[in-house]
Amino acid sequence: MENVLGIVAEYNPMHNGHVYHIQNAKERSNSDYTVAIMTGNFTQRGNTSVVSKWEKTKMALQNGIDLVVELPTIYSISSAENFASGAIKIMEELGFLTHISFGMEEQDVSLINNIANILTKEPVEYSKILKEELEKGQSFPRAREIALTRYFNDETYGEVVRGSNNILAIEYIKAIRKQKSNLIPVGIKREKVFYNSKKIIDEYASSTGIRNLLVTNQLEEATRVMPSNAFSILYDNLKNGTYSLDLTNYSNMIIYKFRNMTVKEIGNLPDVSEGLEYLIKDAVGKTNNIVELINLIKNKRYTQTRIQRILVYGLLGITKKDMEMSKKVIPYVRVLGCTENGKKLLAKIKSKNVITSVKKFENKNKNIKLKRMLEIDKMASDIYTIAYKNNSACSLDYTKGLIITK
């Protein structure tokens, strides 16, 4: 039986750390093929991808990935739990994956497993502490950190959930258990630089660090920390004006959207609760600058990431009903590209809802939930390209074909 490795990734943009992860995960899983479930044009922290999902697909296929499948937008911009759940659903729909690999800041996988077990079962004592901390006005991440520390009576557990990669690792394991998946987890310790670090150490930098280099026009530094082929793709897009560095490119659209929305409509966006809609509505009337808007809203309870995700929900018209739908539906498998070797996997996909042509899928699809999910993906592409300095076209989900490389 062949081993097929799955990796959930953003590749925003692809860097040497990603290549290190792919190579190590392949060795540890002894895989014959590697599949990436990759986010599209908007990301899990409520921001934009530097280059489009098709350009990221090219980067992935040139650096060790055999098949790229899109993680639908509604999962890509969800909180960690729904993000991970959506990815595992797609891996199960592929039907041939044997392993899943993810990066971690933590060396000890047993800690990750212990936390996943508690967060899945939610014992009474843990839930009580969590509720107490939330009632004190703590943000959910901070309340969870305190609750785990007190439940285990060990500060190590609280420290573990401060790591962005650790949090996703925990959610992947939770999703595997909940979905009764047979996927074998392969954790790879993240080396040298962590998720949000802006440091460059040797030939490594995080995607956050690379995006910071692009903002400050330090392209030569970026060449040190990216595979040459990935940098070449990135550079061509920068030169052609077909990129989006961050959410500020959509400031006017976001301000307009939220000023046009009623308090009730804002309250109907995912992640909006406990009167946050009133705070947002008040803030959006005081500024036309998205950075100022976020600073006006964020506080101890509402993190910047949560606010940015809410702004993207509003931008794309995603409601709580949409989010609840995403939690219950089995998503389609949207193939963005493959290598010649990866072509062999296409015929093995078990899902009946495979998309290699959006138009063909729409012509035969009768599922209104999948139709809505795809509408969000198409809207995300059309809005994303508004940031382009040149060649800002819409309907790319129809005109961009399957990317096939050697």
Protein backbone atom coordinates (compact mmCIF):
# COMPACT_ATOMS: atom_id res chain seq x y z
CA MET A 1 0.00 0.00 0.00
CA GLU A 2 1.27 3.47 -0.91
CA ASN A 3 1.75 6.14 1.71
CA VAL A 4 0.26 9.51 0.88
CA LEU A 5 1.15 12.48 3.04
CA GLY A 6 -1.19 15.43 3.60
CA ILE A 7 -0.04 18.89 4.67
CA VAL A 8 -2.33 21.83 5.44
CA ALA A 9 -0.60 25.06 4.44
CA GLU A 10 -0.92 28.70 3.51
CA TYR A 11 2.45 29.11 1.71
CA ASN A 12 2.11 32.86 2.08
CA PRO A 13 4.68 32.89 0.54
CA MET A 14 6.55 29.59 0.42
CA HIS A 15 9.90 29.74 2.19
CA ASN A 16 12.82 27.49 3.14
CA GLY A 17 11.10 26.45 6.37
CA HIS A 18 8.22 25.03 4.33
CA VAL A 19 10.64 23.03 2.19
CA TYR A 20 12.35 21.76 5.35
CA HIS A 21 8.96 20.65 6.68
CA ILE A 22 7.97 18.90 3.43
CA GLN A 23 11.26 17.03 3.19
CA ASN A 24 11.27 15.91 6.83
CA ALA A 25 7.60 14.90 6.78
CA LYS A 26 8.16 12.85 3.61
CA GLU A 27 11.05 11.01 5.21
CA ARG A 28 9.19 10.30 8.45
CA SER A 29 6.04 9.10 6.70
CA ASN A 30 7.92 7.29 3.93
CA SER A 31 5.40 8.81 1.53
CA ASP A 32 5.07 8.14 -2.18
CA TYR A 33 3.01 11.30 -2.78
CA THR A 34 2.46 14.57 -0.94
CA VAL A 35 -0.80 16.53 -1.05
CA ALA A 36 -1.24 20.12 0.14
CA ILE A 37 -4.62 21.35 1.37
CA MET A 38 -3.89 25.02 0.77
CA THR A 39 -5.69 28.20 1.72
CA GLY A 40 -6.77 30.55 -1.06
CA ASN A 41 -6.62 34.32 -1.39
CA PHE A 42 -7.48 35.16 2.23
CA THR A 43 -5.84 33.62 5.28
CA GLN A 44 -6.63 32.25 8.71
CA ARG A 45 -5.43 35.35 10.56
CA GLY A 46 -7.88 37.53 8.67
CA ASN A 47 -5.47 38.88 6.10
CA THR A 48 -4.69 38.53 2.41
CA SER A 49 -2.38 36.17 0.63
CA VAL A 50 0.59 37.99 -0.92
CA VAL A 51 -0.04 36.32 -4.28
CA SER A 52 -3.06 34.45 -5.60
CA LYS A 53 -3.88 30.83 -4.89
CA TRP A 54 -2.76 29.89 -8.41
CA GLU A 55 0.68 31.46 -7.94
CA LYS A 56 1.03 29.74 -4.55
CA THR A 57 0.09 26.47 -6.27
CA LYS A 58 3.01 26.92 -8.68
CA MET A 59 5.35 27.47 -5.73
CA ALA A 60 4.12 24.32 -3.99
CA LEU A 61 4.33 22.08 -7.06
CA GLN A 62 7.92 23.16 -7.68
CA ASN A 63 8.97 22.37 -4.13
CA GLY A 64 7.87 18.85 -3.28
CA ILE A 65 4.05 18.86 -3.43
CA ASP A 66 2.35 16.51 -5.94
CA LEU A 67 -1.26 17.68 -5.66
CA VAL A 68 -2.71 21.00 -4.45
CA VAL A 69 -6.31 21.13 -3.23
CA GLU A 70 -7.88 24.40 -2.15
CA LEU A 71 -9.19 24.77 1.38
CA PRO A 72 -12.45 26.66 0.71
CA THR A 73 -12.40 30.29 1.77
CA ILE A 74 -14.94 29.85 4.55
CA TYR A 75 -12.55 27.40 6.27
CA SER A 76 -9.42 29.35 5.35
CA ILE A 77 -10.60 32.40 7.30
CA SER A 78 -12.23 30.50 10.17
CA SER A 79 -10.93 30.15 13.71
CA ALA A 80 -8.47 27.30 14.24
CA GLU A 81 -11.12 24.68 15.06
CA ASN A 82 -13.17 25.07 11.87
CA PHE A 83 -10.02 25.64 9.80
CA ALA A 84 -8.62 22.28 10.93
CA SER A 85 -11.97 20.49 10.72
CA GLY A 86 -12.47 21.61 7.12
CA ALA A 87 -9.00 20.44 6.15
CA ILE A 88 -9.47 16.99 7.72
CA LYS A 89 -12.86 16.63 5.99
CA ILE A 90 -11.19 17.25 2.64
CA MET A 91 -8.41 14.78 3.42
CA GLU A 92 -11.07 12.18 4.20
CA GLU A 93 -12.90 13.04 0.97
CA LEU A 94 -9.73 12.42 -1.01
CA GLY A 95 -9.83 8.92 0.41
CA PHE A 96 -6.21 7.93 -0.08
CA LEU A 97 -4.23 9.91 2.48
CA THR A 98 -2.42 7.88 5.12
CA HIS A 99 -0.56 10.59 7.06
CA ILE A 100 -0.96 14.23 8.02
CA SER A 101 1.99 16.40 8.98
CA PHE A 102 1.97 19.74 10.75
CA GLY A 103 4.53 22.08 12.28
CA MET A 104 4.74 22.64 16.03
CA GLU A 105 6.65 24.95 18.32
CA GLU A 106 6.49 22.17 20.94
CA GLN A 107 8.90 19.21 20.93
CA ASP A 108 6.80 16.93 23.14
CA VAL A 109 3.86 15.54 21.13
CA SER A 110 2.36 14.00 24.28
CA LEU A 111 1.55 17.51 25.58
CA ILE A 112 -0.29 18.25 22.34
CA ASN A 113 -2.22 14.98 22.67
CA ASN A 114 -3.12 15.66 26.31
CA ILE A 115 -4.47 19.12 25.47
CA ALA A 116 -6.41 17.80 22.46
CA ASN A 117 -7.97 15.18 24.74
CA ILE A 118 -9.14 17.79 27.28
CA LEU A 119 -10.44 20.19 24.62
CA THR A 120 -12.36 17.34 22.98
CA LYS A 121 -13.94 15.99 26.16
CA GLU A 122 -14.23 19.36 27.97
CA PRO A 123 -14.37 17.96 31.53
CA VAL A 124 -16.50 19.87 34.04
CA GLU A 125 -13.56 21.29 36.01
CA TYR A 126 -11.87 22.66 32.89
CA SER A 127 -15.12 24.14 31.54
CA LYS A 128 -15.82 25.84 34.88
CA ILE A 129 -12.42 27.55 34.95
CA LEU A 130 -12.76 28.60 31.31
CA LYS A 131 -16.17 30.14 31.98
CA GLU A 132 -14.85 32.01 35.02
CA GLU A 133 -12.00 33.54 33.02
CA LEU A 134 -14.28 34.56 30.16
CA GLU A 135 -16.62 36.23 32.63
CA LYS A 136 -13.64 38.24 33.90
CA GLY A 137 -13.32 39.70 30.39
CA GLN A 138 -10.39 37.61 29.17
CA SER A 139 -10.12 36.87 25.45
CA PHE A 140 -10.89 33.25 24.58
CA PRO A 141 -7.22 32.36 23.84
CA ARG A 142 -6.08 33.83 27.17
CA ALA A 143 -8.95 32.20 29.09
CA ARG A 144 -8.09 28.82 27.56
CA GLU A 145 -4.43 29.26 28.44
CA ILE A 146 -5.28 29.98 32.10
CA ALA A 147 -7.84 27.15 32.25
CA LEU A 148 -5.35 24.56 30.94
CA THR A 149 -2.63 25.76 33.33
CA ARG A 150 -4.96 25.48 36.33
CA TYR A 151 -6.54 22.20 35.20
CA PHE A 152 -3.19 20.42 34.80
CA ASN A 153 -1.56 22.47 37.57
CA ASP A 154 1.35 22.94 35.20
CA GLU A 155 2.32 26.19 33.46
CA THR A 156 3.79 24.22 30.57
CA TYR A 157 0.31 23.50 29.22
CA GLY A 158 -0.58 27.19 29.14
CA GLU A 159 2.66 27.95 27.33
CA VAL A 160 1.94 25.32 24.67
CA VAL A 161 -1.27 27.04 23.52
CA ARG A 162 0.55 30.33 22.98
CA GLY A 163 2.15 28.85 19.87
CA SER A 164 0.16 29.38 16.65
CA ASN A 165 1.39 26.11 15.18
CA ASN A 166 0.73 24.24 18.42
CA ILE A 167 -2.88 25.47 18.42
CA LEU A 168 -3.45 24.17 14.90
CA ALA A 169 -1.72 20.88 15.74
CA ILE A 170 -4.13 20.43 18.66
CA GLU A 171 -7.10 21.19 16.39
CA TYR A 172 -5.93 18.71 13.73
CA ILE A 173 -5.75 15.95 16.34
CA LYS A 174 -9.18 16.94 17.71
CA ALA A 175 -10.65 16.83 14.18
CA ILE A 176 -9.06 13.44 13.47
CA ARG A 177 -10.67 12.04 16.62
CA LYS A 178 -14.08 13.62 16.05
CA GLN A 179 -14.21 12.43 12.44
CA LYS A 180 -12.89 8.97 13.39
CA SER A 181 -10.15 9.37 10.80
CA ASN A 182 -7.30 6.86 10.44
CA LEU A 183 -4.80 9.55 9.47
CA ILE A 184 -1.45 9.14 11.21
CA PRO A 185 -0.21 12.47 12.65
CA VAL A 186 3.41 13.44 12.01
CA GLY A 187 4.49 16.48 14.02
CA ILE A 188 7.57 18.39 12.88
CA LYS A 189 9.15 20.80 15.35
CA ARG A 190 9.45 24.26 13.88
CA GLU A 191 13.11 25.28 13.96
CA LYS A 192 14.88 28.63 14.30
CA VAL A 193 11.99 31.03 13.60
CA PHE A 194 8.37 30.83 14.75
CA TYR A 195 5.14 31.82 13.01
CA ASN A 196 5.00 35.54 13.82
CA SER A 197 8.72 36.20 14.06
CA LYS A 198 10.20 38.96 11.93
CA LYS A 199 13.75 37.71 12.48
CA ILE A 200 15.99 36.14 9.85
CA ILE A 201 18.16 33.35 11.21
CA ASP A 202 20.61 31.82 8.73
CA GLU A 203 18.50 30.98 5.66
CA TYR A 204 15.19 30.89 7.54
CA ALA A 205 12.40 33.41 8.07
CA SER A 206 8.69 33.05 8.73
CA SER A 207 6.09 34.06 6.15
CA THR A 208 5.31 37.01 8.44
CA GLY A 209 8.97 38.01 8.32
CA ILE A 210 9.07 37.74 4.53
CA ARG A 211 5.93 39.86 4.14
CA ASN A 212 7.58 42.46 6.37
CA LEU A 213 10.61 42.41 4.06
CA LEU A 214 8.31 43.05 1.09
CA VAL A 215 6.63 46.00 2.84
CA THR A 216 10.06 47.53 3.50
CA ASN A 217 11.27 46.61 -0.03
CA GLN A 218 14.10 44.37 1.19
CA LEU A 219 13.86 41.95 -1.71
CA GLU A 220 17.48 40.87 -1.55
CA GLU A 221 16.93 39.63 2.01
CA ALA A 222 13.89 37.68 0.83
CA THR A 223 16.01 35.78 -1.71
CA ARG A 224 18.02 34.28 1.16
CA VAL A 225 15.05 32.66 2.85
CA MET A 226 12.98 31.43 -0.10
CA PRO A 227 13.58 28.69 -2.69
CA SER A 228 14.84 30.43 -5.84
CA ASN A 229 11.89 29.21 -7.94
CA ALA A 230 9.35 30.46 -5.37
CA PHE A 231 11.09 33.84 -5.17
CA SER A 232 11.06 34.06 -8.95
CA ILE A 233 7.27 33.57 -8.97
CA LEU A 234 6.89 36.14 -6.21
CA TYR A 235 9.16 38.63 -7.94
CA ASP A 236 7.27 38.33 -11.24
CA ASN A 237 4.02 39.13 -9.45
CA LEU A 238 5.56 42.09 -7.62
CA LYS A 239 6.93 43.39 -10.92
CA ASN A 240 3.58 42.89 -12.67
CA GLY A 241 1.57 44.47 -9.87
CA THR A 242 -0.46 41.30 -9.31
CA TYR A 243 -0.18 41.01 -5.54
CA SER A 244 -1.78 42.15 -2.27
CA LEU A 245 0.45 42.75 0.74
CA ASP A 246 -2.27 43.08 3.36
CA LEU A 247 -5.84 44.00 4.26
CA THR A 248 -5.17 47.76 4.04
CA ASN A 249 -5.62 47.44 0.27
CA TYR A 250 -9.34 47.00 0.95
CA SER A 251 -9.72 49.76 3.56
CA ASN A 252 -12.23 51.82 1.62
CA MET A 253 -14.31 48.78 0.70
CA ILE A 254 -14.39 47.54 4.29
CA ILE A 255 -15.24 50.95 5.75
CA TYR A 256 -17.98 51.38 3.13
CA LYS A 257 -19.41 47.90 3.77
CA PHE A 258 -19.55 48.32 7.54
CA ARG A 259 -20.92 51.88 7.43
CA ASN A 260 -23.68 50.54 5.19
CA MET A 261 -24.49 47.66 7.53
CA THR A 262 -26.97 47.90 10.38
CA VAL A 263 -25.95 46.89 13.90
CA LYS A 264 -28.10 43.79 13.45
CA GLU A 265 -26.29 42.85 10.22
CA ILE A 266 -22.90 43.27 11.89
CA GLY A 267 -24.18 41.13 14.76
CA ASN A 268 -24.96 38.41 12.21
CA LEU A 269 -21.29 38.06 11.21
CA PRO A 270 -19.34 35.07 12.57
CA ASP A 271 -17.28 35.72 15.74
CA VAL A 272 -19.45 38.74 16.67
CA SER A 273 -21.05 38.33 20.09
CA GLU A 274 -21.71 40.01 23.42
CA GLY A 275 -22.39 43.44 21.96
CA LEU A 276 -19.23 43.62 19.84
CA GLU A 277 -21.43 44.79 16.95
CA TYR A 278 -22.08 48.09 18.76
CA LEU A 279 -18.36 48.66 19.29
CA ILE A 280 -17.65 47.97 15.61
CA LYS A 281 -20.47 50.20 14.38
CA ASP A 282 -19.29 53.05 16.59
CA ALA A 283 -15.64 52.68 15.53
CA VAL A 284 -16.37 52.49 11.79
CA GLY A 285 -18.05 55.91 12.01
CA LYS A 286 -14.89 57.49 13.39
CA THR A 287 -12.21 56.59 10.85
CA ASN A 288 -11.58 55.70 7.23
CA ASN A 289 -8.34 53.91 8.05
CA ILE A 290 -8.47 50.16 8.69
CA VAL A 291 -5.46 50.14 11.02
CA GLU A 292 -7.09 52.82 13.18
CA LEU A 293 -10.37 50.92 12.99
CA ILE A 294 -8.78 47.74 14.36
CA ASN A 295 -7.03 49.71 17.13
CA LEU A 296 -10.33 51.32 18.12
CA ILE A 297 -12.02 47.93 18.48
CA LYS A 298 -9.37 45.59 19.90
CA ASN A 299 -8.97 45.18 23.64
CA LYS A 300 -8.18 42.49 26.20
CA ARG A 301 -11.23 40.47 25.14
CA TYR A 302 -11.22 40.97 21.37
CA THR A 303 -7.90 40.10 19.69
CA GLN A 304 -6.63 41.73 16.52
CA THR A 305 -6.86 38.43 14.64
CA ARG A 306 -10.51 38.00 15.60
CA ILE A 307 -11.32 41.55 14.49
CA GLN A 308 -9.51 41.10 11.18
CA ARG A 309 -11.45 37.91 10.50
CA ILE A 310 -14.71 39.74 11.22
CA LEU A 311 -13.71 42.48 8.76
CA VAL A 312 -13.05 39.84 6.09
CA TYR A 313 -16.42 38.19 6.84
CA GLY A 314 -18.08 41.54 6.25
CA LEU A 315 -16.05 42.17 3.10
CA LEU A 316 -17.05 38.81 1.63
CA GLY A 317 -20.63 38.80 2.95
CA ILE A 318 -20.17 35.70 5.12
CA THR A 319 -22.86 35.26 7.79
CA LYS A 320 -23.25 33.10 10.89
CA LYS A 321 -25.60 30.91 8.84
CA ASP A 322 -22.82 30.35 6.29
CA MET A 323 -20.37 29.45 9.05
CA GLU A 324 -22.78 26.98 10.66
CA MET A 325 -23.36 25.43 7.25
CA SER A 326 -19.61 24.94 6.78
CA LYS A 327 -19.41 23.00 10.05
CA LYS A 328 -22.07 20.51 8.94
CA VAL A 329 -21.40 20.06 5.23
CA ILE A 330 -18.90 17.76 3.52
CA PRO A 331 -16.94 20.14 1.26
CA TYR A 332 -16.01 19.63 -2.38
CA VAL A 333 -12.47 18.79 -3.47
CA ARG A 334 -11.24 21.73 -5.55
CA VAL A 335 -8.04 20.72 -7.34
CA LEU A 336 -5.82 23.68 -8.22
CA GLY A 337 -2.89 21.80 -9.70
CA CYS A 338 -0.66 18.74 -9.75
CA THR A 339 2.66 17.44 -11.00
CA GLU A 340 2.86 14.76 -13.67
CA ASN A 341 3.39 12.32 -10.81
CA GLY A 342 0.42 13.77 -8.94
CA LYS A 343 -1.87 13.18 -11.93
CA LYS A 344 -2.02 9.55 -10.84
CA LEU A 345 -3.91 10.64 -7.73
CA LEU A 346 -6.73 12.38 -9.59
CA ALA A 347 -8.44 9.15 -10.61
CA LYS A 348 -8.21 7.85 -7.03
CA ILE A 349 -10.21 10.66 -5.41
CA LYS A 350 -13.28 9.09 -3.78
CA SER A 351 -15.38 12.27 -3.49
CA LYS A 352 -18.27 12.70 -5.90
CA ASN A 353 -17.80 16.45 -5.71
CA VAL A 354 -14.43 17.00 -7.37
CA ILE A 355 -13.79 20.34 -9.08
CA THR A 356 -11.23 20.64 -11.84
CA SER A 357 -13.50 22.98 -13.83
CA VAL A 358 -15.74 25.37 -11.91
CA LYS A 359 -18.16 25.75 -14.83
CA LYS A 360 -18.58 22.01 -15.29
CA PHE A 361 -19.13 21.51 -11.58
CA GLU A 362 -21.76 24.27 -11.45
CA ASN A 363 -23.62 22.71 -14.37
CA LYS A 364 -24.05 19.39 -12.58
CA ASN A 365 -24.12 20.40 -8.90
CA LYS A 366 -27.52 20.29 -7.14
CA ASN A 367 -26.26 20.86 -3.60
CA ILE A 368 -27.19 24.41 -2.50
CA LYS A 369 -24.71 24.33 0.39
CA LEU A 370 -21.81 23.56 -1.92
CA LYS A 371 -23.13 26.19 -4.33
CA ARG A 372 -22.97 28.80 -1.56
CA MET A 373 -19.48 27.68 -0.52
CA LEU A 374 -18.26 28.05 -4.10
CA GLU A 375 -19.92 31.47 -4.42
CA ILE A 376 -17.81 32.63 -1.47
CA ASP A 377 -14.65 31.28 -3.12
CA LYS A 378 -15.44 33.12 -6.35
CA MET A 379 -16.24 36.34 -4.49
CA ALA A 380 -12.93 36.05 -2.62
CA SER A 381 -11.05 35.82 -5.93
CA ASP A 382 -12.94 38.74 -7.48
CA ILE A 383 -12.39 41.02 -4.48
CA TYR A 384 -8.78 39.93 -4.01
CA THR A 385 -7.69 41.18 -7.45
CA ILE A 386 -9.06 44.68 -6.76
CA ALA A 387 -5.74 45.29 -4.96
CA TYR A 388 -3.76 44.60 -8.15
CA LYS A 389 -1.94 47.57 -9.64
CA ASN A 390 -2.27 46.00 -13.10
CA ASN A 391 -4.36 43.30 -14.76
CA SER A 392 -7.13 43.40 -12.17
CA ALA A 393 -9.53 40.88 -13.66
CA CYS A 394 -12.49 39.03 -12.17
CA SER A 395 -13.95 35.58 -12.90
CA LEU A 396 -10.49 34.00 -12.61
CA ASP A 397 -12.04 30.87 -11.07
CA TYR A 398 -13.52 30.23 -14.53
CA THR A 399 -10.58 31.27 -16.67
CA LYS A 400 -7.65 29.80 -14.70
CA GLY A 401 -7.11 26.19 -15.68
CA LEU A 402 -5.58 23.30 -13.75
CA ILE A 403 -1.87 23.96 -13.19
CA ILE A 404 0.25 20.96 -14.21
CA THR A 405 4.04 20.89 -13.78
CA LYS A 406 6.71 18.27 -14.30
